[in-house]
PDB file of N, CA and C in Angstrom:
ATOM      1  N   MET A   1      35.364  94.160 -10.475  1.00  0.00           N
ATOM      2  CA  MET A   1      35.955  95.415 -10.059  1.00  0.00           C
ATOM      3  C   MET A   1      37.009  95.117  -8.990  1.00  0.00           C
ATOM      4  N   ILE A   2      38.178  95.671  -9.142  1.00  0.00           N
ATOM      5  CA  ILE A   2      39.291  95.432  -8.221  1.00  0.00           C
ATOM      6  C   ILE A   2      39.457  96.666  -7.339  1.00  0.00           C
ATOM      7  N   PHE A   3      39.589  96.418  -5.998  1.00  0.00           N
ATOM      8  CA  PHE A   3      39.791  97.511  -5.056  1.00  0.00           C
ATOM      9  C   PHE A   3      41.257  97.558  -4.658  1.00  0.00           C
ATOM     10  N   TYR A   4      41.815  98.730  -4.713  1.00  0.00           N
ATOM     11  CA  TYR A   4      43.205  98.904  -4.301  1.00  0.00           C
ATOM     12  C   TYR A   4      43.216  99.512  -2.903  1.00  0.00           C
ATOM     13  N   ILE A   5      44.002  98.920  -2.019  1.00  0.00           N
ATOM     14  CA  ILE A   5      44.106  99.423  -0.648  1.00  0.00           C
ATOM     15  C   ILE A   5      45.376 100.257  -0.558  1.00  0.00           C
ATOM     16  N   THR A   6      45.213 101.491  -0.155  1.00  0.00           N
ATOM     17  CA  THR A   6      46.375 102.363  -0.021  1.00  0.00           C
ATOM     18  C   THR A   6      47.002 102.168   1.347  1.00  0.00           C
ATOM     19  N   ALA A   7      48.165 102.766   1.551  1.00  0.00           N
ATOM     20  CA  ALA A   7      48.890 102.628   2.814  1.00  0.00           C
ATOM     21  C   ALA A   7      48.093 103.227   3.969  1.00  0.00           C
ATOM     22  N   VAL A   8      47.360 104.297   3.722  1.00  0.00           N
ATOM     23  CA  VAL A   8      46.572 104.928   4.780  1.00  0.00           C
ATOM     24  C   VAL A   8      45.448 103.995   5.214  1.00  0.00           C
ATOM     25  N   GLN A   9      44.812 103.340   4.314  1.00  0.00           N
ATOM     26  CA  GLN A   9      43.726 102.437   4.664  1.00  0.00           C
ATOM     27  C   GLN A   9      44.247 101.233   5.442  1.00  0.00           C
ATOM     28  N   VAL A  10      45.390 100.712   5.081  1.00  0.00           N
ATOM     29  CA  VAL A  10      45.974  99.590   5.820  1.00  0.00           C
ATOM     30  C   VAL A  10      46.294 100.030   7.238  1.00  0.00           C
ATOM     31  N   TRP A  11      46.837 101.234   7.370  1.00  0.00           N
ATOM     32  CA  TRP A  11      47.164 101.779   8.687  1.00  0.00           C
ATOM     33  C   TRP A  11      45.903 101.897   9.541  1.00  0.00           C
ATOM     34  N   HIS A  12      44.824 102.372   8.951  1.00  0.00           N
ATOM     35  CA  HIS A  12      43.556 102.487   9.673  1.00  0.00           C
ATOM     36  C   HIS A  12      43.038 101.120  10.098  1.00  0.00           C
ATOM     37  N   VAL A  13      43.138 100.155   9.212  1.00  0.00           N
ATOM     38  CA  VAL A  13      42.631  98.814   9.493  1.00  0.00           C
ATOM     39  C   VAL A  13      43.406  98.159  10.630  1.00  0.00           C
ATOM     40  N   ILE A  14      44.673  98.478  10.781  1.00  0.00           N
ATOM     41  CA  ILE A  14      45.490  97.863  11.829  1.00  0.00           C
ATOM     42  C   ILE A  14      45.362  98.614  13.150  1.00  0.00           C
ATOM     43  N   VAL A  15      45.459  99.931  13.126  1.00  0.00           N
ATOM     44  CA  VAL A  15      45.552 100.717  14.360  1.00  0.00           C
ATOM     45  C   VAL A  15      44.199 100.936  15.028  1.00  0.00           C
ATOM     46  N   PHE A  16      43.177 101.302  14.299  1.00  0.00           N
ATOM     47  CA  PHE A  16      41.895 101.630  14.917  1.00  0.00           C
ATOM     48  C   PHE A  16      41.274 100.473  15.701  1.00  0.00           C
ATOM     49  N   PRO A  17      41.277  99.263  15.192  1.00  0.00           N
ATOM     50  CA  PRO A  17      40.735  98.168  16.015  1.00  0.00           C
ATOM     51  C   PRO A  17      41.530  97.931  17.302  1.00  0.00           C
ATOM     52  N   ILE A  18      42.851  98.078  17.229  1.00  0.00           N
ATOM     53  CA  ILE A  18      43.673  97.883  18.426  1.00  0.00           C
ATOM     54  C   ILE A  18      43.378  98.970  19.449  1.00  0.00           C
ATOM     55  N   VAL A  19      43.319 100.222  19.012  1.00  0.00           N
ATOM     56  CA  VAL A  19      43.009 101.330  19.922  1.00  0.00           C
ATOM     57  C   VAL A  19      41.597 101.172  20.474  1.00  0.00           C
ATOM     58  N   GLY A  20      40.658 100.797  19.634  1.00  0.00           N
ATOM     59  CA  GLY A  20      39.280 100.589  20.093  1.00  0.00           C
ATOM     60  C   GLY A  20      39.186  99.479  21.122  1.00  0.00           C
ATOM     61  N   LEU A  21      39.936  98.416  20.922  1.00  0.00           N
ATOM     62  CA  LEU A  21      39.939  97.309  21.877  1.00  0.00           C
ATOM     63  C   LEU A  21      40.510  97.747  23.221  1.00  0.00           C
ATOM     64  N   ILE A  22      41.604  98.483  23.195  1.00  0.00           N
ATOM     65  CA  ILE A  22      42.223  98.948  24.443  1.00  0.00           C
ATOM     66  C   ILE A  22      41.290  99.896  25.188  1.00  0.00           C
ATOM     67  N   VAL A  23      40.711 100.853  24.478  1.00  0.00           N
ATOM     68  CA  VAL A  23      39.780 101.804  25.113  1.00  0.00           C
ATOM     69  C   VAL A  23      38.557 101.066  25.654  1.00  0.00           C
ATOM     70  N   GLY A  24      38.043 100.114  24.898  1.00  0.00           N
ATOM     71  CA  GLY A  24      36.889  99.336  25.351  1.00  0.00           C
ATOM     72  C   GLY A  24      37.190  98.526  26.595  1.00  0.00           C
ATOM     73  N   LEU A  25      38.381  97.934  26.660  1.00  0.00           N
ATOM     74  CA  LEU A  25      38.756  97.168  27.849  1.00  0.00           C
ATOM     75  C   LEU A  25      38.867  98.064  29.076  1.00  0.00           C
ATOM     76  N   ILE A  26      39.459  99.228  28.903  1.00  0.00           N
ATOM     77  CA  ILE A  26      39.610 100.148  30.034  1.00  0.00           C
ATOM     78  C   ILE A  26      38.244 100.635  30.508  1.00  0.00           C
ATOM     79  N   LEU A  27      37.399 101.081  29.588  1.00  0.00           N
ATOM     80  CA  LEU A  27      36.059 101.540  29.974  1.00  0.00           C
ATOM     81  C   LEU A  27      35.238 100.406  30.585  1.00  0.00           C
ATOM     82  N   GLY A  28      35.337  99.229  30.014  1.00  0.00           N
ATOM     83  CA  GLY A  28      34.609  98.080  30.545  1.00  0.00           C
ATOM     84  C   GLY A  28      35.033  97.738  31.954  1.00  0.00           C
ATOM     85  N   PHE A  29      36.333  97.822  32.218  1.00  0.00           N
ATOM     86  CA  PHE A  29      36.831  97.539  33.565  1.00  0.00           C
ATOM     87  C   PHE A  29      36.243  98.505  34.582  1.00  0.00           C
ATOM     88  N   PHE A  30      36.306  99.812  34.281  1.00  0.00           N
ATOM     89  CA  PHE A  30      35.812 100.793  35.246  1.00  0.00           C
ATOM     90  C   PHE A  30      34.294 100.733  35.406  1.00  0.00           C
ATOM     91  N   LEU A  31      33.568 100.498  34.336  1.00  0.00           N
ATOM     92  CA  LEU A  31      32.113 100.361  34.450  1.00  0.00           C
ATOM     93  C   LEU A  31      31.740  99.121  35.257  1.00  0.00           C
ATOM     94  N   ALA A  32      32.409  98.013  35.004  1.00  0.00           N
ATOM     95  CA  ALA A  32      32.118  96.790  35.752  1.00  0.00           C
ATOM     96  C   ALA A  32      32.431  96.982  37.227  1.00  0.00           C
ATOM     97  N   ARG A  33      33.539  97.644  37.529  1.00  0.00           N
ATOM     98  CA  ARG A  33      33.907  97.891  38.930  1.00  0.00           C
ATOM     99  C   ARG A  33      32.865  98.770  39.620  1.00  0.00           C
ATOM    100  N   TYR A  34      32.401  99.806  38.926  1.00  0.00           N
ATOM    101  CA  TYR A  34      31.402 100.714  39.484  1.00  0.00           C
ATOM    102  C   TYR A  34      30.101  99.974  39.802  1.00  0.00           C
ATOM    103  N   PHE A  35      29.601  99.202  38.833  1.00  0.00           N
ATOM    104  CA  PHE A  35      28.340  98.494  39.044  1.00  0.00           C
ATOM    105  C   PHE A  35      28.484  97.394  40.090  1.00  0.00           C
ATOM    106  N   PHE A  36      29.621  96.742  40.152  1.00  0.00           N
ATOM    107  CA  PHE A  36      29.838  95.692  41.143  1.00  0.00           C
ATOM    108  C   PHE A  36      29.873  96.281  42.549  1.00  0.00           C
ATOM    109  N   LYS A  37      30.507  97.445  42.713  1.00  0.00           N
ATOM    110  CA  LYS A  37      30.524  98.093  44.028  1.00  0.00           C
ATOM    111  C   LYS A  37      29.111  98.475  44.460  1.00  0.00           C
ATOM    112  N   LYS A  38      28.327  99.034  43.535  1.00  0.00           N
ATOM    113  CA  LYS A  38      26.943  99.393  43.868  1.00  0.00           C
ATOM    114  C   LYS A  38      26.138  98.164  44.264  1.00  0.00           C
ATOM    115  N   TYR A  39      26.337  97.057  43.544  1.00  0.00           N
ATOM    116  CA  TYR A  39      25.617  95.826  43.838  1.00  0.00           C
ATOM    117  C   TYR A  39      25.981  95.311  45.228  1.00  0.00           C
ATOM    118  N   LEU A  40      27.266  95.344  45.567  1.00  0.00           N
ATOM    119  CA  LEU A  40      27.691  94.851  46.876  1.00  0.00           C
ATOM    120  C   LEU A  40      27.201  95.751  48.007  1.00  0.00           C
ATOM    121  N   GLU A  41      27.065  97.051  47.761  1.00  0.00           N
ATOM    122  CA  GLU A  41      26.515  97.934  48.784  1.00  0.00           C
ATOM    123  C   GLU A  41      25.058  97.592  49.063  1.00  0.00           C
ATOM    124  N   LYS A  42      24.300  97.306  48.018  1.00  0.00           N
ATOM    125  CA  LYS A  42      22.882  96.982  48.191  1.00  0.00           C
ATOM    126  C   LYS A  42      22.687  95.563  48.715  1.00  0.00           C
ATOM    127  N   ASN A  43      23.529  94.644  48.296  1.00  0.00           N
ATOM    128  CA  ASN A  43      23.408  93.237  48.677  1.00  0.00           C
ATOM    129  C   ASN A  43      24.711  92.763  49.310  1.00  0.00           C
ATOM    130  N   PRO A  44      24.888  93.012  50.601  1.00  0.00           N
ATOM    131  CA  PRO A  44      26.150  92.618  51.235  1.00  0.00           C
ATOM    132  C   PRO A  44      26.360  91.106  51.164  1.00  0.00           C
ATOM    133  N   PRO A  45      27.613  90.680  51.043  1.00  0.00           N
ATOM    134  CA  PRO A  45      27.891  89.259  50.859  1.00  0.00           C
ATOM    135  C   PRO A  45      27.702  88.415  52.116  1.00  0.00           C
ATOM    136  N   VAL A  46      27.637  89.036  53.289  1.00  0.00           N
ATOM    137  CA  VAL A  46      27.507  88.279  54.532  1.00  0.00           C
ATOM    138  C   VAL A  46      26.239  88.723  55.251  1.00  0.00           C
ATOM    139  N   ASN A  47      25.433  87.753  55.694  1.00  0.00           N
ATOM    140  CA  ASN A  47      24.244  88.084  56.472  1.00  0.00           C
ATOM    141  C   ASN A  47      24.298  87.352  57.813  1.00  0.00           C
ATOM    142  N   GLU A  48      23.295  87.541  58.635  1.00  0.00           N
ATOM    143  CA  GLU A  48      23.298  86.970  59.986  1.00  0.00           C
ATOM    144  C   GLU A  48      23.356  85.449  59.964  1.00  0.00           C
ATOM    145  N   GLN A  49      22.650  84.846  59.032  1.00  0.00           N
ATOM    146  CA  GLN A  49      22.644  83.380  58.955  1.00  0.00           C
ATOM    147  C   GLN A  49      24.048  82.854  58.657  1.00  0.00           C
ATOM    148  N   GLN A  50      24.762  83.508  57.777  1.00  0.00           N
ATOM    149  CA  GLN A  50      26.112  83.075  57.441  1.00  0.00           C
ATOM    150  C   GLN A  50      27.057  83.242  58.627  1.00  0.00           C
ATOM    151  N   ILE A  51      26.869  84.288  59.413  1.00  0.00           N
ATOM    152  CA  ILE A  51      27.697  84.483  60.602  1.00  0.00           C
ATOM    153  C   ILE A  51      27.432  83.365  61.602  1.00  0.00           C
ATOM    154  N   ARG A  52      26.167  83.005  61.788  1.00  0.00           N
ATOM    155  CA  ARG A  52      25.840  81.896  62.696  1.00  0.00           C
ATOM    156  C   ARG A  52      26.530  80.602  62.249  1.00  0.00           C
ATOM    157  N   VAL A  53      26.472  80.322  60.952  1.00  0.00           N
ATOM    158  CA  VAL A  53      27.083  79.099  60.425  1.00  0.00           C
ATOM    159  C   VAL A  53      28.594  79.130  60.634  1.00  0.00           C
ATOM    160  N   MET A  54      29.224  80.276  60.383  1.00  0.00           N
ATOM    161  CA  MET A  54      30.676  80.376  60.575  1.00  0.00           C
ATOM    162  C   MET A  54      31.051  80.139  62.031  1.00  0.00           C
ATOM    163  N   MET A  55      30.303  80.736  62.950  1.00  0.00           N
ATOM    164  CA  MET A  55      30.614  80.563  64.372  1.00  0.00           C
ATOM    165  C   MET A  55      30.407  79.112  64.794  1.00  0.00           C
ATOM    166  N   GLN A  56      29.382  78.468  64.275  1.00  0.00           N
ATOM    167  CA  GLN A  56      29.156  77.058  64.599  1.00  0.00           C
ATOM    168  C   GLN A  56      30.264  76.186  64.032  1.00  0.00           C
ATOM    169  N   GLN A  57      30.775  76.523  62.867  1.00  0.00           N
ATOM    170  CA  GLN A  57      31.875  75.765  62.285  1.00  0.00           C
ATOM    171  C   GLN A  57      33.155  75.924  63.100  1.00  0.00           C
ATOM    172  N   MET A  58      33.287  77.058  63.770  1.00  0.00           N
ATOM    173  CA  MET A  58      34.453  77.272  64.626  1.00  0.00           C
ATOM    174  C   MET A  58      34.263  76.639  65.999  1.00  0.00           C
ATOM    175  N   GLY A  59      33.126  76.009  66.223  1.00  0.00           N
ATOM    176  CA  GLY A  59      32.882  75.332  67.492  1.00  0.00           C
ATOM    177  C   GLY A  59      32.248  76.202  68.549  1.00  0.00           C
ATOM    178  N   ARG A  60      31.696  77.333  68.163  1.00  0.00           N
ATOM    179  CA  ARG A  60      31.041  78.223  69.120  1.00  0.00           C
ATOM    180  C   ARG A  60      29.544  78.202  68.861  1.00  0.00           C
ATOM    181  N   THR A  61      28.781  78.301  69.929  1.00  0.00           N
ATOM    182  CA  THR A  61      27.331  78.439  69.770  1.00  0.00           C
ATOM    183  C   THR A  61      27.017  79.930  69.922  1.00  0.00           C
ATOM    184  N   PRO A  62      26.685  80.592  68.836  1.00  0.00           N
ATOM    185  CA  PRO A  62      26.509  82.040  68.891  1.00  0.00           C
ATOM    186  C   PRO A  62      25.180  82.437  69.524  1.00  0.00           C
ATOM    187  N   SER A  63      25.246  83.453  70.365  1.00  0.00           N
ATOM    188  CA  SER A  63      24.009  84.032  70.881  1.00  0.00           C
ATOM    189  C   SER A  63      23.557  85.113  69.900  1.00  0.00           C
ATOM    190  N   GLU A  64      22.326  85.527  70.034  1.00  0.00           N
ATOM    191  CA  GLU A  64      21.789  86.563  69.145  1.00  0.00           C
ATOM    192  C   GLU A  64      22.588  87.859  69.310  1.00  0.00           C
ATOM    193  N   ARG A  65      22.993  88.132  70.530  1.00  0.00           N
ATOM    194  CA  ARG A  65      23.766  89.345  70.823  1.00  0.00           C
ATOM    195  C   ARG A  65      25.110  89.319  70.089  1.00  0.00           C
ATOM    196  N   GLN A  66      25.777  88.173  70.094  1.00  0.00           N
ATOM    197  CA  GLN A  66      27.068  88.059  69.417  1.00  0.00           C
ATOM    198  C   GLN A  66      26.914  88.248  67.906  1.00  0.00           C
ATOM    199  N   VAL A  67      25.869  87.660  67.361  1.00  0.00           N
ATOM    200  CA  VAL A  67      25.644  87.776  65.921  1.00  0.00           C
ATOM    201  C   VAL A  67      25.395  89.229  65.546  1.00  0.00           C
ATOM    202  N   ARG A  68      24.566  89.903  66.312  1.00  0.00           N
ATOM    203  CA  ARG A  68      24.273  91.309  66.021  1.00  0.00           C
ATOM    204  C   ARG A  68      25.516  92.181  66.215  1.00  0.00           C
ATOM    205  N   GLN A  69      26.343  91.825  67.192  1.00  0.00           N
ATOM    206  CA  GLN A  69      27.566  92.583  67.432  1.00  0.00           C
ATOM    207  C   GLN A  69      28.522  92.457  66.232  1.00  0.00           C
ATOM    208  N   VAL A  70      28.648  91.262  65.692  1.00  0.00           N
ATOM    209  CA  VAL A  70      29.503  91.052  64.521  1.00  0.00           C
ATOM    210  C   VAL A  70      28.940  91.819  63.323  1.00  0.00           C
ATOM    211  N   MET A  71      27.630  91.767  63.128  1.00  0.00           N
ATOM    212  CA  MET A  71      27.013  92.494  62.011  1.00  0.00           C
ATOM    213  C   MET A  71      27.228  94.003  62.159  1.00  0.00           C
ATOM    214  N   ALA A  72      27.062  94.518  63.381  1.00  0.00           N
ATOM    215  CA  ALA A  72      27.262  95.948  63.612  1.00  0.00           C
ATOM    216  C   ALA A  72      28.712  96.337  63.336  1.00  0.00           C
ATOM    217  N   SER A  73      29.635  95.487  63.739  1.00  0.00           N
ATOM    218  CA  SER A  73      31.047  95.753  63.492  1.00  0.00           C
ATOM    219  C   SER A  73      31.349  95.783  61.997  1.00  0.00           C
ATOM    220  N   MET A  74      30.779  94.841  61.266  1.00  0.00           N
ATOM    221  CA  MET A  74      31.003  94.800  59.817  1.00  0.00           C
ATOM    222  C   MET A  74      30.393  96.021  59.135  1.00  0.00           C
ATOM    223  N   ASN A  75      29.197  96.404  59.547  1.00  0.00           N
ATOM    224  CA  ASN A  75      28.546  97.573  58.948  1.00  0.00           C
ATOM    225  C   ASN A  75      29.305  98.855  59.270  1.00  0.00           C
ATOM    226  N   GLN A  76      29.852  98.930  60.484  1.00  0.00           N
ATOM    227  CA  GLN A  76      30.608 100.110  60.884  1.00  0.00           C
ATOM    228  C   GLN A  76      31.869 100.245  60.029  1.00  0.00           C
ATOM    229  N   HIS A  77      32.576  99.158  59.832  1.00  0.00           N
ATOM    230  CA  HIS A  77      33.803  99.210  59.037  1.00  0.00           C
ATOM    231  C   HIS A  77      33.500  99.449  57.567  1.00  0.00           C
ATOM    232  N   LYS A  78      32.348  98.991  57.120  1.00  0.00           N
ATOM    233  CA  LYS A  78      31.967  99.193  55.727  1.00  0.00           C
ATOM    234  C   LYS A  78      31.660 100.663  55.464  1.00  0.00           C
ATOM    235  N   SER A  79      31.071 101.349  56.444  1.00  0.00           N
ATOM    236  CA  SER A  79      30.633 102.723  56.216  1.00  0.00           C
ATOM    237  C   SER A  79      31.696 103.760  56.558  1.00  0.00           C
ATOM    238  N   GLU A  80      32.804 103.378  57.189  1.00  0.00           N
ATOM    239  CA  GLU A  80      33.829 104.358  57.548  1.00  0.00           C
ATOM    240  C   GLU A  80      34.422 105.066  56.334  1.00  0.00           C
ATOM    241  N   PRO A  81      34.814 104.361  55.272  1.00  0.00           N
ATOM    242  CA  PRO A  81      35.346 105.084  54.108  1.00  0.00           C
ATOM    243  C   PRO A  81      34.325 106.036  53.490  1.00  0.00           C
ATOM    244  N   ALA A  82      33.072 105.653  53.491  1.00  0.00           N
ATOM    245  CA  ALA A  82      32.038 106.522  52.933  1.00  0.00           C
ATOM    246  C   ALA A  82      31.896 107.790  53.775  1.00  0.00           C
ATOM    247  N   LYS A  83      31.989 107.650  55.096  1.00  0.00           N
ATOM    248  CA  LYS A  83      31.893 108.817  55.971  1.00  0.00           C
ATOM    249  C   LYS A  83      33.069 109.759  55.740  1.00  0.00           C
ATOM    250  N   LYS A  84      34.271 109.188  55.560  1.00  0.00           N
ATOM    251  CA  LYS A  84      35.443 110.025  55.325  1.00  0.00           C
ATOM    252  C   LYS A  84      35.304 110.800  54.021  1.00  0.00           C
ATOM    253  N   GLU A  85      34.804 110.135  52.980  1.00  0.00           N
ATOM    254  CA  GLU A  85      34.603 110.810  51.701  1.00  0.00           C
ATOM    255  C   GLU A  85      33.566 111.920  51.832  1.00  0.00           C
ATOM    256  N   LYS A  86      32.498 111.655  52.583  1.00  0.00           N
ATOM    257  CA  LYS A  86      31.445 112.649  52.760  1.00  0.00           C
ATOM    258  C   LYS A  86      31.998 113.876  53.483  1.00  0.00           C
ATOM    259  N   LYS A  87      32.837 113.651  54.514  1.00  0.00           N
ATOM    260  CA  LYS A  87      33.421 114.772  55.241  1.00  0.00           C
ATOM    261  C   LYS A  87      34.329 115.595  54.337  1.00  0.00           C
ATOM    262  N   LYS A  88      35.102 114.926  53.471  1.00  0.00           N
ATOM    263  CA  LYS A  88      35.976 115.643  52.551  1.00  0.00           C
ATOM    264  C   LYS A  88      35.157 116.514  51.605  1.00  0.00           C
ATOM    265  N   LYS A  89      34.045 115.968  51.090  1.00  0.00           N
ATOM    266  CA  LYS A  89      33.200 116.726  50.171  1.00  0.00           C
ATOM    267  C   LYS A  89      32.589 117.930  50.876  1.00  0.00           C
ATOM    268  N   GLU A  90      32.125 117.730  52.128  1.00  0.00           N
ATOM    269  CA  GLU A  90      31.533 118.834  52.879  1.00  0.00           C
ATOM    270  C   GLU A  90      32.571 119.918  53.139  1.00  0.00           C
ATOM    271  N   LYS A  91      33.796 119.505  53.423  1.00  0.00           N
ATOM    272  CA  LYS A  91      34.858 120.465  53.683  1.00  0.00           C
ATOM    273  C   LYS A  91      35.154 121.286  52.432  1.00  0.00           C
ATOM    274  N   LYS A  92      35.177 120.637  51.269  1.00  0.00           N
ATOM    275  CA  LYS A  92      35.420 121.344  50.018  1.00  0.00           C
ATOM    276  C   LYS A  92      34.313 122.355  49.743  1.00  0.00           C
ATOM    277  N   VAL A  93      33.069 121.959  50.004  1.00  0.00           N
ATOM    278  CA  VAL A  93      31.934 122.851  49.760  1.00  0.00           C
ATOM    279  C   VAL A  93      32.034 124.074  50.663  1.00  0.00           C
ATOM    280  N   LYS A  94      32.405 123.872  51.926  1.00  0.00           N
ATOM    281  CA  LYS A  94      32.538 124.992  52.853  1.00  0.00           C
ATOM    282  C   LYS A  94      33.650 125.935  52.416  1.00  0.00           C
ATOM    283  N   GLU A  95      34.759 125.380  51.918  1.00  0.00           N
ATOM    284  CA  GLU A  95      35.875 126.213  51.478  1.00  0.00           C
ATOM    285  C   GLU A  95      35.526 126.995  50.222  1.00  0.00           C
ATOM    286  N   GLU A  96      34.687 126.434  49.372  1.00  0.00           N
ATOM    287  CA  GLU A  96      34.339 127.086  48.116  1.00  0.00           C
ATOM    288  C   GLU A  96      33.364 128.240  48.306  1.00  0.00           C
ATOM    289  N   LYS A  97      32.566 128.208  49.367  1.00  0.00           N
ATOM    290  CA  LYS A  97      31.600 129.278  49.600  1.00  0.00           C
ATOM    291  C   LYS A  97      32.354 130.560  49.965  1.00  0.00           C
ATOM    292  N   PRO A  98      32.076 131.653  49.265  1.00  0.00           N
ATOM    293  CA  PRO A  98      32.755 132.911  49.599  1.00  0.00           C
ATOM    294  C   PRO A  98      32.212 133.472  50.913  1.00  0.00           C
ATOM    295  N   LYS A  99      33.123 133.999  51.693  1.00  0.00           N
ATOM    296  CA  LYS A  99      32.718 134.596  52.968  1.00  0.00           C
ATOM    297  C   LYS A  99      32.259 136.025  52.712  1.00  0.00           C
ATOM    298  N   LYS A 100      31.151 136.392  53.338  1.00  0.00           N
ATOM    299  CA  LYS A 100      30.597 137.731  53.158  1.00  0.00           C
ATOM    300  C   LYS A 100      31.322 138.699  54.088  1.00  0.00           C
ATOM    301  N   GLY A 101      31.820 139.758  53.530  1.00  0.00           N
ATOM    302  CA  GLY A 101      32.520 140.773  54.324  1.00  0.00           C
ATOM    303  C   GLY A 101      31.666 142.015  54.483  1.00  0.00           C
ATOM    304  N   LYS A 102      31.980 142.824  55.499  1.00  0.00           N
ATOM    305  CA  LYS A 102      31.209 144.051  55.732  1.00  0.00           C
ATOM    306  C   LYS A 102      31.786 145.212  55.001  1.00  0.00           C
TER     307      LYS A 102
END
């Protein structure tokens, strides 16, 4: 039995895989970015031991206070964008609530 391929079928065979590949790459990129950000929030890349090692490599003997100060600084800078986003969301919610008039 011989199968004849029409022009429409050839068009489908060429275009749909290309479009599917492009859409898959875009979705894959955003999903990977989302999960990677969540992973880094839960498991930060730098801990106290690594800070001690870095300071020792720079020729400094770190005290516990210095190490905690660096960690606090890093945590503060990490959470600033999240705080700004939270404030924006709260502001939107307040604006959306209708004010009760008398």
